[in-house]
């Protein structure tokens, strides 16, 4: 335990007000999403506007594009959850649908990673493409209240810890550790709620 504390104390954390604010609203978004509170989408919009700047500055171009997608999804998610407040319930997709997403996601990850590694100065193009592609699918699942979204987020968030840490975005890397834990909690929370409604 002493070795871990020593390693942490020697890290040079590079925190900024913009990144700190983005992290705050990102955590708020996930907490409100777990509670199925429609205002999670407002918190999401604020955080992604800030992350558009952060990711572009860090040369994480697929992630920058993803933030624009998140912004559109924040408006769509608000519309979906607000319009269907009483009728939109937690649902589960079939294994076949998830296998299709995994295969399509792997193909898109490879193609995007190849493009960004050849034609741009993108940092970590394959890892960045993986988190970007699967985040698109997982975000859409959140707007539809698909239970499996949390399982996708657990993997995406764990990979993102490494991605952001390698780009010296230490606070965001810590955020994704928290995200991973919250996604685990979110899965079991929605699973319990879904079982109670069944």
Protein backbone atom coordinates (compact mmCIF):
# COMPACT_ATOMS: atom_id res chain seq x y z
CA UNK A 1 0.00 0.00 0.00
CA UNK A 2 2.90 2.35 0.79
CA UNK A 3 4.33 1.78 -2.71
CA UNK A 4 1.03 2.77 -4.32
CA UNK A 5 0.82 5.97 -2.26
CA UNK A 6 4.41 6.81 -3.15
CA UNK A 7 3.71 6.38 -6.88
CA UNK A 8 0.59 8.56 -6.62
CA UNK A 9 2.47 11.26 -4.68
CA UNK A 10 5.13 11.40 -7.43
CA UNK A 11 2.60 11.93 -10.24
CA UNK A 12 2.54 15.39 -11.74
CA UNK A 13 -1.17 16.09 -12.15
CA UNK A 14 -2.04 18.63 -14.79
CA UNK A 15 -5.44 20.01 -13.73
CA UNK A 16 -7.18 22.96 -15.32
CA UNK A 17 -10.38 24.83 -14.49
CA UNK A 18 -11.91 23.77 -17.82
CA UNK A 19 -11.11 20.11 -17.25
CA UNK A 20 -12.28 20.26 -13.61
CA UNK A 21 -15.61 21.79 -14.66
CA UNK A 22 -16.03 19.21 -17.42
CA UNK A 23 -15.35 16.42 -14.94
CA UNK A 24 -17.91 17.82 -12.46
CA UNK A 25 -20.69 17.94 -15.05
CA UNK A 26 -19.69 14.53 -16.42
CA UNK A 27 -20.09 12.91 -13.00
CA UNK A 28 -23.35 14.77 -12.47
CA UNK A 29 -24.60 13.43 -15.81
CA UNK A 30 -23.92 9.79 -14.89
CA UNK A 31 -25.44 10.10 -11.41
CA UNK A 32 -28.61 11.66 -12.82
CA UNK A 33 -28.75 9.02 -15.59
CA UNK A 34 -28.65 6.24 -13.00
CA UNK A 35 -31.61 7.90 -11.29
CA UNK A 36 -33.34 8.18 -14.70
CA UNK A 37 -33.54 11.96 -14.20
CA UNK A 38 -34.11 13.81 -17.49
CA UNK A 39 -31.78 16.65 -16.43
CA UNK A 40 -28.81 14.30 -16.90
CA UNK A 41 -28.89 15.47 -20.52
CA UNK A 42 -28.37 19.13 -19.53
CA UNK A 43 -25.31 18.19 -17.49
CA UNK A 44 -24.10 16.11 -20.44
CA UNK A 45 -24.41 19.07 -22.82
CA UNK A 46 -22.28 21.30 -20.60
CA UNK A 47 -19.57 18.67 -20.11
CA UNK A 48 -19.29 17.78 -23.80
CA UNK A 49 -19.00 21.40 -24.91
CA UNK A 50 -15.96 21.65 -22.64
CA UNK A 51 -14.59 18.28 -23.77
CA UNK A 52 -14.74 19.33 -27.43
CA UNK A 53 -12.03 21.88 -26.60
CA UNK A 54 -10.09 19.52 -24.29
CA UNK A 55 -9.96 16.58 -26.72
CA UNK A 56 -9.05 18.71 -29.72
CA UNK A 57 -6.22 20.32 -27.74
CA UNK A 58 -4.93 16.84 -26.81
CA UNK A 59 -4.98 15.71 -30.48
CA UNK A 60 -7.64 13.09 -29.74
CA UNK A 61 -9.51 13.70 -32.97
CA UNK A 62 -11.94 10.75 -32.93
CA UNK A 63 -12.78 11.71 -29.32
CA UNK A 64 -13.36 15.30 -30.46
CA UNK A 65 -15.81 14.07 -33.08
CA UNK A 66 -17.41 11.89 -30.42
CA UNK A 67 -18.03 14.95 -28.25
CA UNK A 68 -20.01 16.56 -31.10
CA UNK A 69 -22.04 13.35 -31.30
CA UNK A 70 -22.58 13.46 -27.53
CA UNK A 71 -23.88 17.00 -27.85
CA UNK A 72 -26.47 15.90 -30.41
CA UNK A 73 -27.35 12.92 -28.22
CA UNK A 74 -27.82 15.20 -25.21
CA UNK A 75 -30.59 17.01 -27.09
CA UNK A 76 -32.01 13.75 -28.46
CA UNK A 77 -31.83 12.05 -25.05
CA UNK A 78 -33.60 14.96 -23.38
CA UNK A 79 -36.31 14.86 -26.03
CA UNK A 80 -36.71 11.06 -25.75
CA UNK A 81 -36.81 10.94 -21.96
CA UNK A 82 -38.99 14.04 -21.62
CA UNK A 83 -41.45 12.98 -24.33
CA UNK A 84 -41.72 9.40 -23.06
CA UNK A 85 -41.41 10.14 -19.35
CA UNK A 86 -43.92 7.49 -18.32
CA UNK A 87 -43.72 5.09 -21.25
CA UNK A 88 -39.93 4.75 -21.77
CA UNK A 89 -38.86 1.91 -19.49
CA UNK A 90 -35.60 0.03 -19.04
CA UNK A 91 -35.36 -2.66 -21.71
CA UNK A 92 -33.01 -5.45 -22.75
CA UNK A 93 -31.73 -6.20 -26.24
CA UNK A 94 -31.14 -9.70 -27.62
CA UNK A 95 -27.73 -11.38 -27.68
CA UNK A 96 -27.94 -11.33 -31.49
CA UNK A 97 -28.28 -7.55 -31.53
CA UNK A 98 -25.29 -7.18 -29.18
CA UNK A 99 -23.17 -9.55 -31.31
CA UNK A 100 -24.01 -7.46 -34.37
CA UNK A 101 -22.93 -4.29 -32.51
CA UNK A 102 -19.66 -5.93 -31.41
CA UNK A 103 -18.80 -7.09 -34.95
CA UNK A 104 -19.77 -3.79 -36.57
CA UNK A 105 -17.93 -1.89 -33.84
CA UNK A 106 -14.75 -3.90 -34.34
CA UNK A 107 -14.84 -3.26 -38.09
CA UNK A 108 -15.47 0.48 -37.66
CA UNK A 109 -12.73 0.69 -35.02
CA UNK A 110 -10.22 -0.86 -37.40
CA UNK A 111 -11.21 1.38 -40.32
CA UNK A 112 -11.22 4.57 -38.25
CA UNK A 113 -7.98 3.66 -36.50
CA UNK A 114 -6.31 2.92 -39.84
CA UNK A 115 -7.47 6.23 -41.31
CA UNK A 116 -6.31 8.33 -38.35
CA UNK A 117 -2.96 6.53 -38.10
CA UNK A 118 -2.15 7.08 -41.80
CA UNK A 119 -3.65 10.48 -42.57
CA UNK A 120 -3.41 12.48 -39.32
CA UNK A 121 -1.11 13.12 -36.37
CA UNK A 122 -3.71 11.62 -34.02
CA UNK A 123 -2.42 10.22 -30.75
CA UNK A 124 -3.24 6.55 -30.11
CA UNK A 125 -5.59 6.26 -33.10
CA UNK A 126 -6.69 2.65 -32.59
CA UNK A 127 -7.50 2.99 -28.89
CA UNK A 128 -9.10 6.38 -29.50
CA UNK A 129 -11.19 4.88 -32.32
CA UNK A 130 -12.28 1.95 -30.12
CA UNK A 131 -13.59 4.19 -27.35
CA UNK A 132 -15.20 6.51 -29.89
CA UNK A 133 -17.02 3.84 -31.91
CA UNK A 134 -18.37 1.92 -28.95
CA UNK A 135 -19.31 5.11 -27.10
CA UNK A 136 -21.60 5.98 -30.01
CA UNK A 137 -23.44 2.68 -29.62
CA UNK A 138 -23.55 2.90 -25.82
CA UNK A 139 -24.82 6.49 -25.84
CA UNK A 140 -27.65 5.57 -28.20
CA UNK A 141 -28.53 2.72 -25.83
CA UNK A 142 -28.73 5.18 -22.91
CA UNK A 143 -31.24 7.33 -24.85
CA UNK A 144 -33.39 4.20 -25.28
CA UNK A 145 -32.80 3.01 -21.67
CA UNK A 146 -31.21 -0.28 -22.78
CA UNK A 147 -29.85 -2.09 -19.71
CA UNK A 148 -26.75 -3.37 -21.55
CA UNK A 149 -25.42 0.16 -22.05
CA UNK A 150 -23.75 -0.06 -18.65
CA UNK A 151 -21.76 -3.17 -19.63
CA UNK A 152 -20.41 -1.35 -22.68
CA UNK A 153 -19.52 1.65 -20.53
CA UNK A 154 -17.59 -0.50 -18.04
CA UNK A 155 -15.22 -1.61 -20.83
CA UNK A 156 -15.10 1.78 -22.60
CA UNK A 157 -14.39 3.64 -19.36
CA UNK A 158 -11.66 1.23 -18.28
CA UNK A 159 -9.87 1.64 -21.64
CA UNK A 160 -10.37 5.42 -21.45
CA UNK A 161 -8.45 5.55 -18.16
CA UNK A 162 -5.33 4.53 -20.06
CA UNK A 163 -6.12 6.70 -23.09
CA UNK A 164 -6.48 9.95 -21.15
CA UNK A 165 -3.64 9.22 -18.73
CA UNK A 166 -1.29 8.69 -21.66
CA UNK A 167 -2.21 12.18 -22.94
CA UNK A 168 -1.45 13.79 -19.54
CA UNK A 169 -5.15 14.42 -18.85
CA UNK A 170 -4.82 13.05 -15.35
CA UNK A 171 -8.03 14.44 -13.89
CA UNK A 172 -10.02 13.03 -16.79
CA UNK A 173 -8.22 9.71 -16.31
CA UNK A 174 -9.35 9.73 -12.67
CA UNK A 175 -12.85 10.60 -13.89
CA UNK A 176 -12.90 7.45 -15.99
CA UNK A 177 -11.87 5.34 -12.99
CA UNK A 178 -14.90 6.80 -11.21
CA UNK A 179 -17.00 6.25 -14.35
CA UNK A 180 -16.03 2.58 -14.40
CA UNK A 181 -17.18 2.14 -10.81
CA UNK A 182 -20.36 4.15 -11.41
CA UNK A 183 -21.13 2.08 -14.54
CA UNK A 184 -20.94 -1.10 -12.44
CA UNK A 185 -23.30 0.47 -9.91
CA UNK A 186 -25.54 1.76 -12.73
CA UNK A 187 -25.88 -1.70 -14.24
CA UNK A 188 -26.99 -3.30 -10.99
CA UNK A 189 -29.26 -0.35 -10.17
CA UNK A 190 -31.07 -0.56 -13.53
CA UNK A 191 -31.12 -4.38 -13.36
CA UNK A 192 -32.84 -4.23 -9.97
CA UNK A 193 -35.32 -1.62 -11.23
CA UNK A 194 -35.99 -3.69 -14.35
CA UNK A 195 -36.61 -6.84 -12.29
CA UNK A 196 -39.02 -4.97 -10.02
CA UNK A 197 -41.06 -3.84 -13.05
CA UNK A 198 -41.06 -7.33 -14.62
